[in-house]
Amino acid sequence: MIYFDNSATTYPKPQTVTNAVMTALRKYGANPGRSGHTMSREAGKMVENCRNSAMNMFGVSSADNVVFTLNCTLAINMVIKGLLKRGDHVVTSCLEHNAVMRPLNKLEKEGFITYAKAKVYPCDNEKTLDSFRKAINAKTALIITTHASNVWGIRMPIERIAALGKVYGIPVLVDGAQSAGLVPIDVSKYGIDYLCLAGHKGLYGPMGIGMLITNKGKELNTIIEGGTGTSSMVLCQPKEMPQKFESGTPNLSGICGLKAGMDFVNSIGMDNIFNHENRIVNYLYENMKKIKKLKLYMPCPTPEYFVPLISFNFDDKVSDEVGRYLDANGVEVRTGIHCAPSAHEFMGTQNQGVVRVSPSAFNTVQEADKLLELLRSYSKNS
């Protein structure tokens, strides 16, 4: 089996990640921060080790400003619903995942907020930035942007969007689900107010763990309250970070796996992983454009403007049909709408969907050759 669906979740995981999860289950089985006994304290140390790793990787000012969540979607919802007030306006991009669009749509339908989608211009950051600027109005209280589209791989100019937010005094949320572990992100240097991350993609951690990284946690209201292991006699939620946002028993095995995943990325080097994936994607692209009936939507993915993934179709074939053919022949890719209808409306592919190929550190050019062989065969016989 050849796995090219790494934008959904990376597979396989590094052996060190599997080992860390198993060790957590065997050795650190107590509830961290809830008891004074040895195993609980050791579990707590493992949580803090992961927090410190995230602090160093993403440039946050304090490890306390790293909040562990169930996933990136929860982190995004925590910001949207913890920050916005009735009458507020939000500016987002036209490429966003439903993790952004569904909460915004719900709040708009309830008459709570309004929002505008700024048009994105691939390979033209000036025009994209101008779109965001023009979408801002006097009531804009939050700017939301993906760092990289999960459908088209388009990289957004997050440093400049964050700078735009500073000019207008508007906080900026960045969805880093598709970029973390591939592209350096420095929260303090870039001026990002809220960075939301998935642990199971480019950070090579297990599913069920994500992060909200912010230097502005005090400005967010909570959407979940409960036990934190601190100030238990007080019925008000703690105001201190990160306990303010970490009610309930944490996913300790997920946190330990995430720490091992970040260590894996650091050991190889983020640039090395990106360059490896980019070589595979460029190799695929140059050969795909020679295949009859195969339609490519974006220019060849260059590092400045794209992360390494390719989405394509065959003429008017529904993408699921192509995916089934590849799956039957041992190659796994993503097809359909990818939980991002806005991104498909952007390119007019909402009815057909697209076939997405996304490599990881573990894929090879030989695997790319197998995929190309199957695509040529499909083109010939379809």
Protein backbone atom coordinates (compact mmCIF):
# COMPACT_ATOMS: atom_id res chain seq x y z
CA MET A 1 0.00 0.00 0.00
CA ILE A 2 1.24 3.47 -0.96
CA TYR A 3 -0.17 6.25 1.20
CA PHE A 4 -0.49 9.74 -0.32
CA ASP A 5 -3.14 11.22 1.99
CA ASN A 6 -0.85 12.96 4.46
CA SER A 7 -2.73 16.26 4.42
CA ALA A 8 -5.56 14.38 6.16
CA THR A 9 -3.23 12.67 8.62
CA THR A 10 0.36 11.53 8.30
CA TYR A 11 0.98 7.81 7.98
CA PRO A 12 2.99 5.94 8.95
CA LYS A 13 3.92 7.59 12.22
CA PRO A 14 7.57 7.56 13.26
CA GLN A 15 8.38 4.57 15.46
CA THR A 16 9.36 7.00 18.21
CA VAL A 17 5.79 8.33 18.25
CA THR A 18 4.33 4.83 18.58
CA ASN A 19 6.83 4.10 21.36
CA ALA A 20 5.95 7.32 23.19
CA VAL A 21 2.22 6.55 23.10
CA MET A 22 2.77 3.01 24.40
CA THR A 23 5.15 4.24 27.10
CA ALA A 24 2.57 6.78 28.24
CA LEU A 25 -0.04 4.05 28.58
CA ARG A 26 2.32 1.73 30.45
CA LYS A 27 4.42 4.11 32.53
CA TYR A 28 2.53 7.39 32.94
CA GLY A 29 -0.98 6.05 33.52
CA ALA A 30 -1.94 8.48 36.28
CA ASN A 31 -3.87 11.70 35.86
CA PRO A 32 -1.39 14.61 35.52
CA GLY A 33 -1.89 17.55 37.85
CA ARG A 34 -4.61 15.81 39.87
CA SER A 35 -2.71 13.85 42.53
CA GLY A 36 0.44 14.27 44.57
CA HIS A 37 1.79 10.77 44.07
CA THR A 38 4.85 9.88 42.01
CA MET A 39 3.12 8.64 38.86
CA SER A 40 0.91 11.73 38.67
CA ARG A 41 3.93 14.00 39.05
CA GLU A 42 5.81 12.10 36.34
CA ALA A 43 2.81 12.37 34.04
CA GLY A 44 2.72 16.10 34.72
CA LYS A 45 6.38 16.40 33.74
CA MET A 46 5.65 14.75 30.41
CA VAL A 47 2.87 17.26 29.72
CA GLU A 48 5.20 20.16 30.52
CA ASN A 49 7.95 18.69 28.35
CA CYS A 50 5.59 18.75 25.38
CA ARG A 51 4.48 22.28 26.24
CA ASN A 52 8.10 23.42 26.27
CA SER A 53 8.76 21.78 22.91
CA ALA A 54 5.79 23.60 21.39
CA MET A 55 6.91 26.88 22.95
CA ASN A 56 10.31 26.53 21.30
CA MET A 57 8.97 25.37 17.94
CA PHE A 58 6.34 28.11 17.58
CA GLY A 59 7.97 31.07 19.29
CA VAL A 60 5.39 31.69 21.99
CA SER A 61 6.57 33.79 24.95
CA SER A 62 5.76 31.21 27.63
CA ALA A 63 5.06 27.49 27.78
CA ASP A 64 1.93 28.40 29.77
CA ASN A 65 0.54 29.90 26.57
CA VAL A 66 0.42 26.47 24.91
CA VAL A 67 -3.06 24.96 25.41
CA PHE A 68 -3.71 21.32 24.55
CA THR A 69 -7.00 20.66 22.77
CA LEU A 70 -8.77 17.71 21.19
CA ASN A 71 -7.84 18.94 17.69
CA CYS A 72 -7.37 22.05 15.57
CA THR A 73 -11.12 22.43 15.07
CA LEU A 74 -11.73 22.77 18.80
CA ALA A 75 -8.92 25.32 19.07
CA ILE A 76 -10.50 27.41 16.31
CA ASN A 77 -13.93 27.23 17.91
CA MET A 78 -12.44 28.25 21.27
CA VAL A 79 -11.17 31.48 19.73
CA ILE A 80 -14.19 32.29 17.58
CA LYS A 81 -16.71 31.66 20.36
CA GLY A 82 -14.53 32.91 23.17
CA LEU A 83 -13.61 36.24 21.56
CA LEU A 84 -16.51 37.47 19.42
CA LYS A 85 -19.34 39.59 20.78
CA ARG A 86 -22.77 40.35 19.38
CA GLY A 87 -22.52 42.73 16.42
CA ASP A 88 -18.91 41.87 15.62
CA HIS A 89 -17.65 41.36 12.10
CA VAL A 90 -15.07 38.81 10.93
CA VAL A 91 -12.84 38.79 7.86
CA THR A 92 -11.66 35.43 6.60
CA SER A 93 -10.33 34.01 3.33
CA CYS A 94 -12.26 32.28 0.56
CA LEU A 95 -10.25 29.07 1.13
CA GLU A 96 -11.19 28.16 4.67
CA HIS A 97 -11.93 24.72 6.05
CA ASN A 98 -15.32 24.04 7.65
CA ALA A 99 -13.57 24.26 11.03
CA VAL A 100 -13.76 28.00 10.39
CA MET A 101 -16.76 28.34 8.11
CA ARG A 102 -19.30 26.30 10.08
CA PRO A 103 -18.93 28.22 13.36
CA LEU A 104 -18.96 31.53 11.46
CA ASN A 105 -22.05 30.47 9.51
CA LYS A 106 -23.83 29.35 12.67
CA LEU A 107 -23.13 32.62 14.46
CA GLU A 108 -24.21 34.63 11.42
CA LYS A 109 -27.48 32.70 11.03
CA GLU A 110 -28.19 33.39 14.70
CA GLY A 111 -27.75 37.10 14.03
CA PHE A 112 -24.77 37.23 16.36
CA ILE A 113 -22.03 38.28 13.88
CA THR A 114 -21.41 39.03 10.22
CA TYR A 115 -18.45 37.95 8.16
CA ALA A 116 -16.81 38.58 4.79
CA LYS A 117 -14.64 36.29 2.66
CA ALA A 118 -11.58 37.96 1.18
CA LYS A 119 -10.68 36.70 -2.29
CA VAL A 120 -7.30 35.00 -2.57
CA TYR A 121 -5.05 35.49 -5.59
CA PRO A 122 -2.62 32.57 -5.94
CA CYS A 123 1.00 33.72 -6.36
CA ASP A 124 0.01 37.37 -5.82
CA ASN A 125 0.29 38.28 -2.15
CA GLU A 126 -0.20 42.00 -2.84
CA LYS A 127 -3.68 41.47 -4.29
CA THR A 128 -4.57 38.95 -1.57
CA LEU A 129 -3.53 41.37 1.15
CA ASP A 130 -5.53 44.14 -0.52
CA SER A 131 -8.58 41.85 -0.48
CA PHE A 132 -8.27 41.48 3.28
CA ARG A 133 -7.79 45.21 3.71
CA LYS A 134 -10.90 46.03 1.69
CA ALA A 135 -13.01 43.50 3.63
CA ILE A 136 -12.28 45.19 6.99
CA ASN A 137 -14.92 47.52 8.38
CA ALA A 138 -15.47 49.45 11.60
CA LYS A 139 -16.96 46.40 13.35
CA THR A 140 -14.27 43.89 12.36
CA ALA A 141 -13.15 42.16 15.55
CA LEU A 142 -11.20 39.20 14.16
CA ILE A 143 -9.26 38.22 11.06
CA ILE A 144 -9.02 34.48 10.31
CA THR A 145 -6.81 32.89 7.71
CA THR A 146 -5.54 29.46 6.90
CA HIS A 147 -1.78 29.30 6.53
CA ALA A 148 -2.10 26.78 3.70
CA SER A 149 -5.18 25.58 1.85
CA ASN A 150 -5.89 21.90 2.42
CA VAL A 151 -7.31 21.66 -1.12
CA TRP A 152 -5.00 23.79 -3.27
CA GLY A 153 -1.87 24.06 -1.14
CA ILE A 154 -1.89 27.84 -1.50
CA ARG A 155 0.28 29.52 1.15
CA MET A 156 -1.17 32.66 2.65
CA PRO A 157 1.09 35.60 3.57
CA ILE A 158 0.40 35.24 7.29
CA GLU A 159 3.16 37.61 8.41
CA ARG A 160 1.67 40.41 6.32
CA ILE A 161 -1.91 39.59 7.32
CA ALA A 162 -0.83 39.67 10.98
CA ALA A 163 0.87 43.04 10.35
CA LEU A 164 -2.35 44.29 8.75
CA GLY A 165 -4.23 43.25 11.86
CA LYS A 166 -1.80 45.25 14.00
CA VAL A 167 -2.32 48.37 11.85
CA TYR A 168 -6.10 48.16 12.39
CA GLY A 169 -5.94 46.86 15.96
CA ILE A 170 -7.66 43.58 15.00
CA PRO A 171 -6.50 40.21 16.39
CA VAL A 172 -5.51 37.54 13.87
CA LEU A 173 -6.19 33.79 14.07
CA VAL A 174 -4.07 31.50 11.90
CA ASP A 175 -5.19 27.95 11.10
CA GLY A 176 -1.86 26.12 10.88
CA ALA A 177 -3.26 22.63 10.42
CA GLN A 178 -1.66 22.17 6.98
CA SER A 179 1.60 24.02 7.60
CA ALA A 180 2.85 23.16 11.10
CA GLY A 181 5.90 20.93 10.83
CA LEU A 182 6.47 21.96 7.20
CA VAL A 183 6.80 25.73 7.37
CA PRO A 184 8.35 27.70 10.26
CA ILE A 185 5.79 29.66 12.30
CA ASP A 186 6.93 32.13 14.95
CA VAL A 187 3.96 33.51 16.87
CA SER A 188 5.88 36.34 18.56
CA LYS A 189 7.96 37.32 15.53
CA TYR A 190 5.02 37.29 13.11
CA GLY A 191 2.61 38.92 15.55
CA ILE A 192 0.04 36.12 15.37
CA ASP A 193 -2.51 36.41 18.16
CA TYR A 194 -4.02 32.90 17.96
CA LEU A 195 -2.36 29.92 16.30
CA CYS A 196 -4.49 26.77 16.01
CA LEU A 197 -2.76 23.48 15.23
CA ALA A 198 -3.44 19.82 14.52
CA GLY A 199 -1.05 17.34 16.09
CA HIS A 200 -1.66 14.47 13.67
CA LYS A 201 -0.57 16.01 10.37
CA GLY A 202 2.86 17.59 9.77
CA LEU A 203 3.77 17.28 13.45
CA TYR A 204 3.49 13.46 13.11
CA GLY A 205 1.61 12.99 16.38
CA PRO A 206 -1.41 10.74 16.95
CA MET A 207 -5.00 11.73 16.29
CA GLY A 208 -6.98 13.36 19.08
CA ILE A 209 -4.49 16.06 20.05
CA GLY A 210 -4.22 19.68 18.95
CA MET A 211 -3.00 23.00 20.30
CA LEU A 212 -4.09 26.59 20.75
CA ILE A 213 -1.01 28.77 21.04
CA THR A 214 -1.57 32.34 22.13
CA ASN A 215 0.01 35.15 24.06
CA LYS A 216 -3.48 36.63 24.51
CA GLY A 217 -5.31 33.95 26.44
CA LYS A 218 -6.52 36.46 29.01
CA GLU A 219 -8.68 38.11 26.35
CA LEU A 220 -10.60 34.92 25.57
CA ASN A 221 -13.69 33.72 27.38
CA THR A 222 -13.96 29.99 28.00
CA ILE A 223 -16.44 27.80 26.14
CA ILE A 224 -15.78 24.81 28.43
CA GLU A 225 -15.45 24.85 32.21
CA GLY A 226 -14.65 22.06 34.63
CA GLY A 227 -12.02 20.43 36.77
CA THR A 228 -8.44 21.57 36.31
CA GLY A 229 -6.84 20.16 39.45
CA THR A 230 -6.30 23.71 40.75
CA SER A 231 -8.38 25.92 43.10
CA SER A 232 -10.92 23.14 43.34
CA MET A 233 -12.96 24.79 46.12
CA VAL A 234 -13.62 27.81 43.87
CA LEU A 235 -16.52 27.37 41.46
CA CYS A 236 -15.20 29.98 39.04
CA GLN A 237 -12.95 28.75 36.24
CA PRO A 238 -9.26 29.58 36.87
CA LYS A 239 -8.01 32.62 34.99
CA GLU A 240 -4.42 31.41 34.80
CA MET A 241 -3.02 29.92 31.59
CA PRO A 242 -3.13 27.15 30.52
CA GLN A 243 -5.55 25.78 33.15
CA LYS A 244 -8.17 28.28 32.02
CA PHE A 245 -8.69 26.28 28.82
CA GLU A 246 -7.75 22.75 29.90
CA SER A 247 -10.72 21.45 31.84
CA GLY A 248 -10.99 17.70 32.26
CA THR A 249 -8.49 14.89 32.01
CA PRO A 250 -5.98 15.53 29.22
CA ASN A 251 -5.05 13.12 26.44
CA LEU A 252 -1.74 12.15 28.01
CA SER A 253 -0.82 9.48 25.47
CA GLY A 254 -1.63 11.94 22.68
CA ILE A 255 0.48 14.64 24.30
CA CYS A 256 3.42 12.24 24.69
CA GLY A 257 3.04 11.18 21.06
CA LEU A 258 2.90 14.81 19.96
CA LYS A 259 6.13 15.54 21.83
CA ALA A 260 7.80 12.64 20.03
CA GLY A 261 6.40 13.87 16.71
CA MET A 262 7.83 17.35 17.21
CA ASP A 263 11.15 15.78 18.18
CA PHE A 264 11.04 13.78 14.93
CA VAL A 265 10.49 16.95 12.89
CA ASN A 266 13.33 18.71 14.70
CA SER A 267 15.69 15.76 14.26
CA ILE A 268 15.24 15.71 10.48
CA GLY A 269 14.78 19.44 10.09
CA MET A 270 11.64 21.21 8.95
CA ASP A 271 13.36 22.54 5.82
CA ASN A 272 14.58 19.08 4.92
CA ILE A 273 11.09 17.61 5.23
CA PHE A 274 9.61 20.42 3.15
CA ASN A 275 12.28 20.08 0.46
CA HIS A 276 11.83 16.30 0.32
CA GLU A 277 8.07 16.58 -0.10
CA ASN A 278 8.45 19.41 -2.58
CA ARG A 279 10.79 17.34 -4.77
CA ILE A 280 8.20 14.55 -4.91
CA VAL A 281 5.36 16.96 -5.69
CA ASN A 282 7.33 18.76 -8.39
CA TYR A 283 8.29 15.42 -9.93
CA LEU A 284 4.64 14.38 -9.94
CA TYR A 285 3.50 17.70 -11.36
CA GLU A 286 5.95 17.71 -14.26
CA ASN A 287 4.85 14.22 -15.24
CA MET A 288 1.13 14.71 -14.54
CA LYS A 289 0.90 17.63 -16.95
CA LYS A 290 1.90 15.24 -19.76
CA ILE A 291 -0.99 12.85 -19.05
CA LYS A 292 -3.94 13.24 -21.38
CA LYS A 293 -7.29 14.21 -19.83
CA LEU A 294 -5.63 15.04 -16.47
CA LYS A 295 -6.48 18.55 -15.31
CA LEU A 296 -4.21 20.48 -12.93
CA TYR A 297 -5.65 23.58 -11.30
CA MET A 298 -2.63 25.33 -9.84
CA PRO A 299 0.80 26.19 -11.22
CA CYS A 300 3.71 23.96 -10.25
CA PRO A 301 3.96 24.27 -6.44
CA THR A 302 6.82 26.65 -5.62
CA PRO A 303 7.90 26.95 -1.97
CA GLU A 304 7.12 30.67 -1.77
CA TYR A 305 3.47 30.26 -2.66
CA PHE A 306 2.51 26.63 -1.95
CA VAL A 307 2.93 23.74 0.44
CA PRO A 308 3.63 20.36 -1.22
CA LEU A 309 0.34 18.92 -2.45
CA ILE A 310 -1.41 18.50 -5.81
CA SER A 311 -5.12 18.42 -6.58
CA PHE A 312 -6.36 17.27 -9.96
CA ASN A 313 -9.18 15.67 -11.96
CA PHE A 314 -9.69 13.68 -15.14
CA ASP A 315 -11.93 15.65 -17.50
CA ASP A 316 -15.44 15.53 -16.02
CA LYS A 317 -14.93 12.35 -13.99
CA VAL A 318 -16.16 12.53 -10.41
CA SER A 319 -13.06 12.51 -8.20
CA ASP A 320 -14.34 9.59 -6.12
CA GLU A 321 -14.23 7.35 -9.19
CA VAL A 322 -10.53 8.07 -9.68
CA GLY A 323 -9.90 7.52 -5.99
CA ARG A 324 -11.59 4.14 -6.05
CA TYR A 325 -9.45 3.08 -9.01
CA LEU A 326 -6.24 4.11 -7.23
CA ASP A 327 -7.34 2.46 -3.98
CA ALA A 328 -8.09 -0.81 -5.80
CA ASN A 329 -4.53 -0.69 -7.11
CA GLY A 330 -2.84 0.00 -3.80
CA VAL A 331 -2.54 3.81 -3.75
CA GLU A 332 -4.49 5.83 -1.19
CA VAL A 333 -5.35 9.48 -1.87
CA ARG A 334 -8.07 11.91 -0.78
CA THR A 335 -11.04 12.69 -2.99
CA GLY A 336 -14.21 14.77 -2.70
CA ILE A 337 -14.72 18.13 -1.02
CA HIS A 338 -12.12 17.80 1.78
CA CYS A 339 -14.41 19.57 4.30
CA ALA A 340 -13.66 22.84 2.50
CA PRO A 341 -16.57 23.85 0.23
CA SER A 342 -15.36 27.46 0.12
CA ALA A 343 -12.09 26.33 -1.46
CA HIS A 344 -14.02 24.36 -4.10
CA GLU A 345 -16.35 27.25 -4.87
CA PHE A 346 -13.20 29.31 -5.42
CA MET A 347 -12.22 27.01 -8.33
CA GLY A 348 -15.67 25.81 -9.39
CA THR A 349 -15.05 22.19 -8.35
CA GLN A 350 -17.86 21.90 -5.79
CA ASN A 351 -19.75 19.33 -7.88
CA GLN A 352 -16.82 17.24 -9.05
CA GLY A 353 -14.50 17.49 -6.06
CA VAL A 354 -10.81 16.85 -6.66
CA VAL A 355 -8.25 14.11 -6.20
CA ARG A 356 -5.56 15.26 -3.76
CA VAL A 357 -2.06 13.82 -3.50
CA SER A 358 -0.03 14.85 -0.45
CA PRO A 359 3.30 13.25 0.51
CA SER A 360 5.12 13.01 3.84
CA ALA A 361 8.68 12.52 4.96
CA PHE A 362 8.28 8.78 4.35
CA ASN A 363 7.17 8.83 0.70
CA THR A 364 9.60 8.14 -2.14
CA VAL A 365 10.04 8.95 -5.82
CA GLN A 366 9.52 5.25 -6.52
CA GLU A 367 6.06 5.50 -4.97
CA ALA A 368 5.40 8.58 -7.10
CA ASP A 369 6.34 6.52 -10.18
CA LYS A 370 3.78 3.89 -9.23
CA LEU A 371 1.10 6.57 -8.92
CA LEU A 372 2.06 8.03 -12.30
CA GLU A 373 1.89 4.59 -13.88
CA LEU A 374 -1.65 4.15 -12.61
CA LEU A 375 -2.72 7.62 -13.74
CA ARG A 376 -1.41 6.94 -17.24
CA SER A 377 -3.31 3.66 -17.32
CA TYR A 378 -6.50 5.34 -16.10
CA SER A 379 -6.16 8.04 -18.74
CA LYS A 380 -5.70 5.47 -21.48
CA ASN A 381 -8.67 3.35 -20.44
CA SER A 382 -11.18 5.98 -19.31
